[in-house]
Protein backbone atom coordinates (compact mmCIF):
# COMPACT_ATOMS: atom_id res chain seq x y z
CA MET A 1 0.00 0.00 0.00
CA LEU A 2 2.77 2.43 0.91
CA PHE A 3 4.69 1.55 -2.22
CA LYS A 4 1.69 2.46 -4.40
CA LYS A 5 1.29 5.75 -2.54
CA MET A 6 4.98 6.51 -3.05
CA LEU A 7 4.71 5.86 -6.79
CA ARG A 8 1.56 7.98 -7.01
CA ASP A 9 3.24 10.85 -5.14
CA ILE A 10 6.28 10.65 -7.38
CA SER A 11 4.13 10.74 -10.51
CA ASP A 12 1.99 13.60 -9.14
CA TYR A 13 5.01 15.67 -8.13
CA LYS A 14 7.53 14.49 -10.70
CA PHE A 15 9.13 17.90 -11.31
CA GLN A 16 9.66 18.53 -7.60
CA PHE A 17 11.04 15.01 -7.20
CA ILE A 18 13.42 15.47 -10.13
CA SER A 19 14.57 18.88 -8.88
CA ILE A 20 15.30 17.57 -5.37
CA PHE A 21 17.10 14.55 -6.82
CA LEU A 22 19.19 16.77 -9.11
CA LEU A 23 19.98 19.16 -6.28
CA ALA A 24 21.21 16.31 -4.08
CA PHE A 25 23.25 14.90 -6.97
CA LEU A 26 24.75 18.32 -7.71
CA GLY A 27 25.69 18.82 -4.06
CA ALA A 28 27.41 15.44 -3.84
CA PHE A 29 29.15 16.04 -7.18
CA LEU A 30 30.47 19.45 -6.13
CA PHE A 31 31.61 18.20 -2.74
CA SER A 32 33.55 15.28 -4.22
CA GLY A 33 35.04 17.49 -6.95
CA ILE A 34 36.24 20.15 -4.53
CA ASN A 35 37.65 17.48 -2.21
CA ALA A 36 39.52 15.81 -5.09
CA GLU A 37 40.86 19.17 -6.29
CA GLU A 38 42.15 20.00 -2.81
CA MET A 39 43.97 16.66 -2.55
CA GLY A 40 45.50 17.06 -6.01
CA LEU A 41 46.62 20.61 -5.25
CA GLU A 42 48.24 19.54 -1.99
CA SER A 43 50.04 16.68 -3.73
CA SER A 44 51.31 18.91 -6.54
CA ILE A 45 52.50 21.68 -4.19
CA ASN A 46 54.37 19.16 -2.03
CA HIS A 47 56.00 17.72 -5.16
CA TYR A 48 56.98 21.25 -6.26
CA TYR A 49 58.46 22.05 -2.83
CA ASP A 50 60.48 18.82 -2.83
CA GLU A 51 61.66 19.27 -6.42
CA THR A 52 62.80 22.88 -6.00
CA ASN A 53 63.92 22.55 -2.36
CA MET A 54 61.74 25.55 -1.61
CA ALA A 55 61.24 26.54 2.00
CA ASP A 56 57.90 25.74 3.60
CA GLY A 57 58.15 28.81 5.80
CA TRP A 58 60.21 31.86 6.59
CA ILE A 59 60.89 33.70 9.83
CA TYR A 60 61.66 37.39 9.47
CA SER A 61 63.27 39.20 12.37
CA PRO A 62 66.22 41.55 12.77
CA TYR A 63 67.13 39.80 16.05
CA LEU A 64 67.87 36.23 14.95
CA ASN A 65 70.87 34.57 16.50
CA GLU A 66 72.46 31.13 16.25
CA LEU A 67 70.69 29.84 19.38
CA PHE A 68 67.28 30.67 17.88
CA LEU A 69 68.20 28.92 14.63
CA GLU A 70 69.25 25.83 16.59
CA VAL A 71 65.95 25.80 18.53
CA VAL A 72 63.97 26.06 15.28
CA TYR A 73 66.05 23.28 13.75
CA HIS A 74 65.24 20.93 16.64
CA LEU A 75 61.47 21.45 16.36
CA GLY A 76 61.31 18.26 14.33
CA ALA A 77 59.97 19.19 10.92
CA THR A 78 63.05 21.21 9.99
CA ASN A 79 65.80 19.50 8.04
CA GLN A 80 67.69 22.58 6.87
CA ASN A 81 67.83 26.22 7.92
CA GLY A 82 69.83 29.27 7.11
CA LYS A 83 70.27 32.89 7.97
CA ALA A 84 70.16 35.67 5.42
CA THR A 85 70.48 39.40 5.75
CA ASP A 86 68.44 42.05 4.01
CA SER A 87 70.64 44.56 2.28
CA GLY A 88 67.79 46.98 1.63
CA PHE A 89 68.11 50.56 2.82
CA SER A 90 65.76 51.20 5.74
CA GLY A 91 66.78 54.77 6.54
CA ARG A 92 65.02 58.02 5.83
CA THR A 93 65.08 59.49 2.37
């Protein structure tokens, strides 16, 4: 009895049924597509960082010393660090 009522309701409201079905399909499709794109982007950026030996992060400070660099190196995720100086002019013009 319920099955017949369900079929009758679907046939009476077929456009609403189709629109809800398409909306649910579109939502699932967009969610899976965005999720796949995010995973692919993360994989490609990690490959680029490894290939070019590009730094994952930078610390800018005029007060860096060797002790600070050693502490950062021992955080665990660091396998190489360096210290560079900025030769830009910071005085008044």
